[in-house]
Amino acid sequence: MQKSAVSTDTVMKKKHLKRRWTDIENKQLYDAIGKDITAKKMPCGKRIAELVAKNGLRYVAQIRTQVHNYISGKLSYSVVHEDFFKS
């Protein structure tokens, strides 16, 4: 019998911490692309990249996922609505 050329060593993956979006981050996101969120439209990657460059807000993929979760209804954007932040 021949031995398999495939290694049976386990690959160690780096774990990363998941952290919640803060109210400030949600407000920045809503202020920048709230019209797209309320219209249930995904903003283009260029706009998201500009948002990252301007505010230093997360990564493009993280923002895209957050917006997708708002649009699909997994998250409620009523929490980040402007009325919520008026004092």
PDB file of N, CA and C in Angstrom:
ATOM      1  N   MET A   1       0.822  -1.176   0.000  1.00  0.00           N
ATOM      2  CA  MET A   1       0.000   0.000   0.000  1.00  0.00           C
ATOM      3  C   MET A   1       0.874   1.251   0.000  1.00  0.00           C
ATOM      4  N   GLN A   2       0.412   2.234  -0.736  1.00  0.00           N
ATOM      5  CA  GLN A   2       1.132   3.498  -0.791  1.00  0.00           C
ATOM      6  C   GLN A   2       0.600   4.447   0.270  1.00  0.00           C
ATOM      7  N   LYS A   3       1.520   5.250   0.752  1.00  0.00           N
ATOM      8  CA  LYS A   3       1.106   6.251   1.729  1.00  0.00           C
ATOM      9  C   LYS A   3       0.539   7.462   1.003  1.00  0.00           C
ATOM     10  N   SER A   4      -0.418   8.077   1.614  1.00  0.00           N
ATOM     11  CA  SER A   4      -1.032   9.268   1.044  1.00  0.00           C
ATOM     12  C   SER A   4      -0.061  10.444   1.119  1.00  0.00           C
ATOM     13  N   ALA A   5      -0.085  11.271   0.108  1.00  0.00           N
ATOM     14  CA  ALA A   5       0.773  12.442   0.075  1.00  0.00           C
ATOM     15  C   ALA A   5       0.187  13.596   0.903  1.00  0.00           C
ATOM     16  N   VAL A   6      -1.024  13.406   1.384  1.00  0.00           N
ATOM     17  CA  VAL A   6      -1.685  14.447   2.155  1.00  0.00           C
ATOM     18  C   VAL A   6      -1.230  14.383   3.598  1.00  0.00           C
ATOM     19  N   SER A   7      -0.876  15.534   4.143  1.00  0.00           N
ATOM     20  CA  SER A   7      -0.437  15.608   5.523  1.00  0.00           C
ATOM     21  C   SER A   7      -1.644  15.533   6.454  1.00  0.00           C
ATOM     22  N   THR A   8      -1.457  14.843   7.555  1.00  0.00           N
ATOM     23  CA  THR A   8      -2.556  14.725   8.513  1.00  0.00           C
ATOM     24  C   THR A   8      -2.411  15.722   9.654  1.00  0.00           C
ATOM     25  N   ASP A   9      -1.447  16.645   9.539  1.00  0.00           N
ATOM     26  CA  ASP A   9      -1.265  17.655  10.583  1.00  0.00           C
ATOM     27  C   ASP A   9      -2.474  18.586  10.615  1.00  0.00           C
ATOM     28  N   THR A  10      -2.831  18.974  11.802  1.00  0.00           N
ATOM     29  CA  THR A  10      -3.944  19.909  11.926  1.00  0.00           C
ATOM     30  C   THR A  10      -3.440  21.327  11.708  1.00  0.00           C
ATOM     31  N   VAL A  11      -4.274  22.122  11.122  1.00  0.00           N
ATOM     32  CA  VAL A  11      -3.920  23.503  10.849  1.00  0.00           C
ATOM     33  C   VAL A  11      -4.484  24.360  11.977  1.00  0.00           C
ATOM     34  N   MET A  12      -3.618  25.121  12.593  1.00  0.00           N
ATOM     35  CA  MET A  12      -4.047  25.995  13.675  1.00  0.00           C
ATOM     36  C   MET A  12      -4.511  27.323  13.076  1.00  0.00           C
ATOM     37  N   LYS A  13      -5.729  27.687  13.373  1.00  0.00           N
ATOM     38  CA  LYS A  13      -6.260  28.955  12.897  1.00  0.00           C
ATOM     39  C   LYS A  13      -6.192  29.962  14.029  1.00  0.00           C
ATOM     40  N   LYS A  14      -5.892  31.206  13.656  1.00  0.00           N
ATOM     41  CA  LYS A  14      -5.897  32.257  14.657  1.00  0.00           C
ATOM     42  C   LYS A  14      -7.337  32.622  14.980  1.00  0.00           C
ATOM     43  N   LYS A  15      -7.607  32.724  16.251  1.00  0.00           N
ATOM     44  CA  LYS A  15      -8.936  33.133  16.665  1.00  0.00           C
ATOM     45  C   LYS A  15      -8.965  34.654  16.716  1.00  0.00           C
ATOM     46  N   HIS A  16     -10.106  35.182  16.407  1.00  0.00           N
ATOM     47  CA  HIS A  16     -10.273  36.627  16.489  1.00  0.00           C
ATOM     48  C   HIS A  16     -11.480  36.940  17.361  1.00  0.00           C
ATOM     49  N   LEU A  17     -11.415  38.085  17.950  1.00  0.00           N
ATOM     50  CA  LEU A  17     -12.514  38.495  18.807  1.00  0.00           C
ATOM     51  C   LEU A  17     -13.605  39.146  17.979  1.00  0.00           C
ATOM     52  N   LYS A  18     -14.816  38.781  18.255  1.00  0.00           N
ATOM     53  CA  LYS A  18     -15.951  39.446  17.634  1.00  0.00           C
ATOM     54  C   LYS A  18     -16.368  40.544  18.587  1.00  0.00           C
ATOM     55  N   ARG A  19     -16.491  41.731  18.062  1.00  0.00           N
ATOM     56  CA  ARG A  19     -16.957  42.785  18.939  1.00  0.00           C
ATOM     57  C   ARG A  19     -18.184  43.441  18.335  1.00  0.00           C
ATOM     58  N   ARG A  20     -19.067  43.825  19.196  1.00  0.00           N
ATOM     59  CA  ARG A  20     -20.315  44.435  18.758  1.00  0.00           C
ATOM     60  C   ARG A  20     -20.055  45.806  18.164  1.00  0.00           C
ATOM     61  N   TRP A  21     -20.984  46.209  17.307  1.00  0.00           N
ATOM     62  CA  TRP A  21     -20.941  47.553  16.765  1.00  0.00           C
ATOM     63  C   TRP A  21     -21.407  48.506  17.853  1.00  0.00           C
ATOM     64  N   THR A  22     -20.644  49.552  18.086  1.00  0.00           N
ATOM     65  CA  THR A  22     -21.031  50.528  19.094  1.00  0.00           C
ATOM     66  C   THR A  22     -22.104  51.454  18.529  1.00  0.00           C
ATOM     67  N   ASP A  23     -22.754  52.194  19.421  1.00  0.00           N
ATOM     68  CA  ASP A  23     -23.757  53.155  18.977  1.00  0.00           C
ATOM     69  C   ASP A  23     -23.138  54.212  18.071  1.00  0.00           C
ATOM     70  N   ILE A  24     -21.917  54.606  18.374  1.00  0.00           N
ATOM     71  CA  ILE A  24     -21.228  55.620  17.563  1.00  0.00           C
ATOM     72  C   ILE A  24     -20.965  55.078  16.161  1.00  0.00           C
ATOM     73  N   GLU A  25     -20.494  53.835  16.070  1.00  0.00           N
ATOM     74  CA  GLU A  25     -20.242  53.233  14.755  1.00  0.00           C
ATOM     75  C   GLU A  25     -21.534  53.096  13.963  1.00  0.00           C
ATOM     76  N   ASN A  26     -22.594  52.663  14.626  1.00  0.00           N
ATOM     77  CA  ASN A  26     -23.888  52.538  13.941  1.00  0.00           C
ATOM     78  C   ASN A  26     -24.383  53.892  13.448  1.00  0.00           C
ATOM     79  N   LYS A  27     -24.189  54.933  14.260  1.00  0.00           N
ATOM     80  CA  LYS A  27     -24.621  56.270  13.855  1.00  0.00           C
ATOM     81  C   LYS A  27     -23.816  56.752  12.660  1.00  0.00           C
ATOM     82  N   GLN A  28     -22.496  56.538  12.678  1.00  0.00           N
ATOM     83  CA  GLN A  28     -21.656  56.936  11.551  1.00  0.00           C
ATOM     84  C   GLN A  28     -22.084  56.210  10.278  1.00  0.00           C
ATOM     85  N   LEU A  29     -22.369  54.935  10.404  1.00  0.00           N
ATOM     86  CA  LEU A  29     -22.808  54.152   9.251  1.00  0.00           C
ATOM     87  C   LEU A  29     -24.136  54.667   8.732  1.00  0.00           C
ATOM     88  N   TYR A  30     -25.077  54.911   9.641  1.00  0.00           N
ATOM     89  CA  TYR A  30     -26.396  55.377   9.233  1.00  0.00           C
ATOM     90  C   TYR A  30     -26.328  56.778   8.626  1.00  0.00           C
ATOM     91  N   ASP A  31     -25.509  57.650   9.208  1.00  0.00           N
ATOM     92  CA  ASP A  31     -25.362  58.996   8.664  1.00  0.00           C
ATOM     93  C   ASP A  31     -24.793  58.967   7.247  1.00  0.00           C
ATOM     94  N   ALA A  32     -23.868  58.046   7.001  1.00  0.00           N
ATOM     95  CA  ALA A  32     -23.204  57.985   5.700  1.00  0.00           C
ATOM     96  C   ALA A  32     -24.066  57.313   4.631  1.00  0.00           C
ATOM     97  N   ILE A  33     -24.722  56.216   4.963  1.00  0.00           N
ATOM     98  CA  ILE A  33     -25.464  55.469   3.939  1.00  0.00           C
ATOM     99  C   ILE A  33     -26.861  55.078   4.398  1.00  0.00           C
ATOM    100  N   GLY A  34     -27.444  55.907   5.249  1.00  0.00           N
ATOM    101  CA  GLY A  34     -28.788  55.632   5.761  1.00  0.00           C
ATOM    102  C   GLY A  34     -29.853  55.617   4.678  1.00  0.00           C
ATOM    103  N   LYS A  35     -29.673  56.460   3.649  1.00  0.00           N
ATOM    104  CA  LYS A  35     -30.664  56.490   2.565  1.00  0.00           C
ATOM    105  C   LYS A  35     -30.706  55.152   1.832  1.00  0.00           C
ATOM    106  N   ASP A  36     -29.533  54.555   1.642  1.00  0.00           N
ATOM    107  CA  ASP A  36     -29.488  53.240   0.994  1.00  0.00           C
ATOM    108  C   ASP A  36     -30.120  52.173   1.884  1.00  0.00           C
ATOM    109  N   ILE A  37     -29.876  52.270   3.178  1.00  0.00           N
ATOM    110  CA  ILE A  37     -30.434  51.285   4.104  1.00  0.00           C
ATOM    111  C   ILE A  37     -31.956  51.355   4.109  1.00  0.00           C
ATOM    112  N   THR A  38     -32.510  52.573   4.189  1.00  0.00           N
ATOM    113  CA  THR A  38     -33.962  52.703   4.219  1.00  0.00           C
ATOM    114  C   THR A  38     -34.590  52.325   2.885  1.00  0.00           C
ATOM    115  N   ALA A  39     -33.820  52.483   1.779  1.00  0.00           N
ATOM    116  CA  ALA A  39     -34.314  52.087   0.461  1.00  0.00           C
ATOM    117  C   ALA A  39     -34.061  50.602   0.194  1.00  0.00           C
ATOM    118  N   LYS A  40     -33.437  49.927   1.176  1.00  0.00           N
ATOM    119  CA  LYS A  40     -33.086  48.505   1.055  1.00  0.00           C
ATOM    120  C   LYS A  40     -32.229  48.244  -0.182  1.00  0.00           C
ATOM    121  N   LYS A  41     -31.227  49.096  -0.345  1.00  0.00           N
ATOM    122  CA  LYS A  41     -30.317  49.018  -1.487  1.00  0.00           C
ATOM    123  C   LYS A  41     -28.890  48.956  -0.951  1.00  0.00           C
ATOM    124  N   MET A  42     -28.119  48.025  -1.463  1.00  0.00           N
ATOM    125  CA  MET A  42     -26.728  47.890  -1.037  1.00  0.00           C
ATOM    126  C   MET A  42     -25.882  48.964  -1.725  1.00  0.00           C
ATOM    127  N   PRO A  43     -25.136  49.770  -0.964  1.00  0.00           N
ATOM    128  CA  PRO A  43     -24.274  50.771  -1.596  1.00  0.00           C
ATOM    129  C   PRO A  43     -23.116  50.091  -2.322  1.00  0.00           C
ATOM    130  N   CYS A  44     -22.558  50.798  -3.302  1.00  0.00           N
ATOM    131  CA  CYS A  44     -21.458  50.217  -4.074  1.00  0.00           C
ATOM    132  C   CYS A  44     -20.203  50.130  -3.203  1.00  0.00           C
ATOM    133  N   GLY A  45     -19.319  49.277  -3.598  1.00  0.00           N
ATOM    134  CA  GLY A  45     -18.084  49.062  -2.856  1.00  0.00           C
ATOM    135  C   GLY A  45     -17.225  50.309  -2.759  1.00  0.00           C
ATOM    136  N   LYS A  46     -17.288  51.150  -3.773  1.00  0.00           N
ATOM    137  CA  LYS A  46     -16.495  52.377  -3.778  1.00  0.00           C
ATOM    138  C   LYS A  46     -16.957  53.307  -2.657  1.00  0.00           C
ATOM    139  N   ARG A  47     -18.277  53.426  -2.472  1.00  0.00           N
ATOM    140  CA  ARG A  47     -18.802  54.275  -1.397  1.00  0.00           C
ATOM    141  C   ARG A  47     -18.432  53.719  -0.029  1.00  0.00           C
ATOM    142  N   ILE A  48     -18.476  52.412   0.096  1.00  0.00           N
ATOM    143  CA  ILE A  48     -18.108  51.795   1.371  1.00  0.00           C
ATOM    144  C   ILE A  48     -16.621  52.017   1.646  1.00  0.00           C
ATOM    145  N   ALA A  49     -15.786  51.885   0.608  1.00  0.00           N
ATOM    146  CA  ALA A  49     -14.350  52.100   0.771  1.00  0.00           C
ATOM    147  C   ALA A  49     -14.052  53.554   1.146  1.00  0.00           C
ATOM    148  N   GLU A  50     -14.806  54.500   0.586  1.00  0.00           N
ATOM    149  CA  GLU A  50     -14.638  55.905   0.952  1.00  0.00           C
ATOM    150  C   GLU A  50     -15.007  56.121   2.416  1.00  0.00           C
ATOM    151  N   LEU A  51     -16.049  55.446   2.872  1.00  0.00           N
ATOM    152  CA  LEU A  51     -16.469  55.536   4.261  1.00  0.00           C
ATOM    153  C   LEU A  51     -15.375  55.011   5.192  1.00  0.00           C
ATOM    154  N   VAL A  52     -14.752  53.922   4.803  1.00  0.00           N
ATOM    155  CA  VAL A  52     -13.663  53.350   5.598  1.00  0.00           C
ATOM    156  C   VAL A  52     -12.487  54.321   5.643  1.00  0.00           C
ATOM    157  N   ALA A  53     -12.146  54.892   4.485  1.00  0.00           N
ATOM    158  CA  ALA A  53     -11.015  55.816   4.434  1.00  0.00           C
ATOM    159  C   ALA A  53     -11.286  57.098   5.227  1.00  0.00           C
ATOM    160  N   LYS A  54     -12.522  57.560   5.177  1.00  0.00           N
ATOM    161  CA  LYS A  54     -12.886  58.815   5.835  1.00  0.00           C
ATOM    162  C   LYS A  54     -12.984  58.660   7.347  1.00  0.00           C
ATOM    163  N   ASN A  55     -13.671  57.639   7.808  1.00  0.00           N
ATOM    164  CA  ASN A  55     -13.944  57.483   9.234  1.00  0.00           C
ATOM    165  C   ASN A  55     -13.096  56.428   9.925  1.00  0.00           C
ATOM    166  N   GLY A  56     -12.391  55.603   9.157  1.00  0.00           N
ATOM    167  CA  GLY A  56     -11.654  54.510   9.776  1.00  0.00           C
ATOM    168  C   GLY A  56     -12.604  53.503  10.396  1.00  0.00           C
ATOM    169  N   LEU A  57     -13.778  53.366   9.804  1.00  0.00           N
ATOM    170  CA  LEU A  57     -14.851  52.543  10.359  1.00  0.00           C
ATOM    171  C   LEU A  57     -14.735  51.116   9.845  1.00  0.00           C
ATOM    172  N   ARG A  58     -14.226  50.220  10.660  1.00  0.00           N
ATOM    173  CA  ARG A  58     -14.164  48.789  10.350  1.00  0.00           C
ATOM    174  C   ARG A  58     -13.534  48.506   8.984  1.00  0.00           C
ATOM    175  N   TYR A  59     -13.762  47.295   8.482  1.00  0.00           N
ATOM    176  CA  TYR A  59     -13.312  46.903   7.143  1.00  0.00           C
ATOM    177  C   TYR A  59     -14.494  46.925   6.194  1.00  0.00           C
ATOM    178  N   VAL A  60     -14.192  46.947   4.897  1.00  0.00           N
ATOM    179  CA  VAL A  60     -15.246  46.989   3.886  1.00  0.00           C
ATOM    180  C   VAL A  60     -16.176  45.788   4.032  1.00  0.00           C
ATOM    181  N   ALA A  61     -15.621  44.604   4.216  1.00  0.00           N
ATOM    182  CA  ALA A  61     -16.440  43.394   4.338  1.00  0.00           C
ATOM    183  C   ALA A  61     -17.344  43.454   5.564  1.00  0.00           C
ATOM    184  N   GLN A  62     -16.844  44.011   6.663  1.00  0.00           N
ATOM    185  CA  GLN A  62     -17.658  44.117   7.871  1.00  0.00           C
ATOM    186  C   GLN A  62     -18.826  45.084   7.662  1.00  0.00           C
ATOM    187  N   ILE A  63     -18.559  46.189   6.977  1.00  0.00           N
ATOM    188  CA  ILE A  63     -19.612  47.159   6.710  1.00  0.00           C
ATOM    189  C   ILE A  63     -20.639  46.565   5.761  1.00  0.00           C
ATOM    190  N   ARG A  64     -20.170  45.876   4.733  1.00  0.00           N
ATOM    191  CA  ARG A  64     -21.084  45.241   3.781  1.00  0.00           C
ATOM    192  C   ARG A  64     -21.984  44.237   4.490  1.00  0.00           C
ATOM    193  N   THR A  65     -21.430  43.467   5.398  1.00  0.00           N
ATOM    194  CA  THR A  65     -22.216  42.494   6.161  1.00  0.00           C
ATOM    195  C   THR A  65     -23.231  43.187   7.054  1.00  0.00           C
ATOM    196  N   GLN A  66     -22.819  44.254   7.715  1.00  0.00           N
ATOM    197  CA  GLN A  66     -23.731  44.983   8.589  1.00  0.00           C
ATOM    198  C   GLN A  66     -24.905  45.561   7.795  1.00  0.00           C
ATOM    199  N   VAL A  67     -24.611  46.166   6.646  1.00  0.00           N
ATOM    200  CA  VAL A  67     -25.673  46.737   5.810  1.00  0.00           C
ATOM    201  C   VAL A  67     -26.586  45.622   5.307  1.00  0.00           C
ATOM    202  N   HIS A  68     -26.011  44.498   4.896  1.00  0.00           N
ATOM    203  CA  HIS A  68     -26.804  43.377   4.427  1.00  0.00           C
ATOM    204  C   HIS A  68     -27.742  42.879   5.527  1.00  0.00           C
ATOM    205  N   ASN A  69     -27.237  42.829   6.759  1.00  0.00           N
ATOM    206  CA  ASN A  69     -28.066  42.393   7.877  1.00  0.00           C
ATOM    207  C   ASN A  69     -29.207  43.358   8.142  1.00  0.00           C
ATOM    208  N   TYR A  70     -28.970  44.656   7.965  1.00  0.00           N
ATOM    209  CA  TYR A  70     -30.056  45.631   8.089  1.00  0.00           C
ATOM    210  C   TYR A  70     -31.095  45.420   6.994  1.00  0.00           C
ATOM    211  N   ILE A  71     -30.628  45.271   5.770  1.00  0.00           N
ATOM    212  CA  ILE A  71     -31.533  45.147   4.627  1.00  0.00           C
ATOM    213  C   ILE A  71     -32.353  43.863   4.711  1.00  0.00           C
ATOM    214  N   SER A  72     -31.711  42.767   5.093  1.00  0.00           N
ATOM    215  CA  SER A  72     -32.403  41.483   5.139  1.00  0.00           C
ATOM    216  C   SER A  72     -33.314  41.342   6.355  1.00  0.00           C
ATOM    217  N   GLY A  73     -33.218  42.275   7.295  1.00  0.00           N
ATOM    218  CA  GLY A  73     -34.093  42.237   8.452  1.00  0.00           C
ATOM    219  C   GLY A  73     -33.516  41.510   9.654  1.00  0.00           C
ATOM    220  N   LYS A  74     -32.268  41.068   9.565  1.00  0.00           N
ATOM    221  CA  LYS A  74     -31.646  40.401  10.704  1.00  0.00           C
ATOM    222  C   LYS A  74     -31.376  41.396  11.830  1.00  0.00           C
ATOM    223  N   LEU A  75     -31.139  42.651  11.452  1.00  0.00           N
ATOM    224  CA  LEU A  75     -30.950  43.724  12.424  1.00  0.00           C
ATOM    225  C   LEU A  75     -31.983  44.803  12.151  1.00  0.00           C
ATOM    226  N   SER A  76     -32.362  45.495  13.186  1.00  0.00           N
ATOM    227  CA  SER A  76     -33.327  46.574  13.029  1.00  0.00           C
ATOM    228  C   SER A  76     -32.581  47.895  12.976  1.00  0.00           C
ATOM    229  N   TYR A  77     -32.789  48.653  11.929  1.00  0.00           N
ATOM    230  CA  TYR A  77     -32.113  49.949  11.851  1.00  0.00           C
ATOM    231  C   TYR A  77     -32.914  51.041  12.526  1.00  0.00           C
ATOM    232  N   SER A  78     -34.041  50.687  13.132  1.00  0.00           N
ATOM    233  CA  SER A  78     -34.776  51.688  13.905  1.00  0.00           C
ATOM    234  C   SER A  78     -33.960  52.107  15.126  1.00  0.00           C
ATOM    235  N   VAL A  79     -33.075  51.241  15.566  1.00  0.00           N
ATOM    236  CA  VAL A  79     -32.217  51.556  16.704  1.00  0.00           C
ATOM    237  C   VAL A  79     -31.235  52.658  16.339  1.00  0.00           C
ATOM    238  N   VAL A  80     -30.775  52.683  15.114  1.00  0.00           N
ATOM    239  CA  VAL A  80     -29.791  53.684  14.714  1.00  0.00           C
ATOM    240  C   VAL A  80     -30.440  54.873  14.024  1.00  0.00           C
ATOM    241  N   HIS A  81     -31.747  54.924  14.043  1.00  0.00           N
ATOM    242  CA  HIS A  81     -32.444  56.040  13.400  1.00  0.00           C
ATOM    243  C   HIS A  81     -32.113  57.327  14.144  1.00  0.00           C
ATOM    244  N   GLU A  82     -32.136  58.434  13.442  1.00  0.00           N
ATOM    245  CA  GLU A  82     -31.732  59.720  13.980  1.00  0.00           C
ATOM    246  C   GLU A  82     -32.515  60.102  15.242  1.00  0.00           C
ATOM    247  N   ASP A  83     -33.785  59.750  15.328  1.00  0.00           N
ATOM    248  CA  ASP A  83     -34.593  60.094  16.486  1.00  0.00           C
ATOM    249  C   ASP A  83     -34.032  59.465  17.770  1.00  0.00           C
ATOM    250  N   PHE A  84     -33.393  58.335  17.624  1.00  0.00           N
ATOM    251  CA  PHE A  84     -32.830  57.626  18.765  1.00  0.00           C
ATOM    252  C   PHE A  84     -31.710  58.433  19.408  1.00  0.00           C
ATOM    253  N   PHE A  85     -30.963  59.187  18.593  1.00  0.00           N
ATOM    254  CA  PHE A  85     -29.800  59.904  19.102  1.00  0.00           C
ATOM    255  C   PHE A  85     -30.118  61.336  19.496  1.00  0.00           C
ATOM    256  N   LYS A  86     -31.329  61.807  19.269  1.00  0.00           N
ATOM    257  CA  LYS A  86     -31.677  63.173  19.675  1.00  0.00           C
ATOM    258  C   LYS A  86     -31.852  63.207  21.189  1.00  0.00           C
ATOM    259  N   SER A  87     -31.249  64.188  21.793  1.00  0.00           N
ATOM    260  CA  SER A  87     -31.340  64.291  23.261  1.00  0.00           C
ATOM    261  C   SER A  87     -32.065  65.550  23.660  1.00  0.00           C
TER     262      SER A  87
END
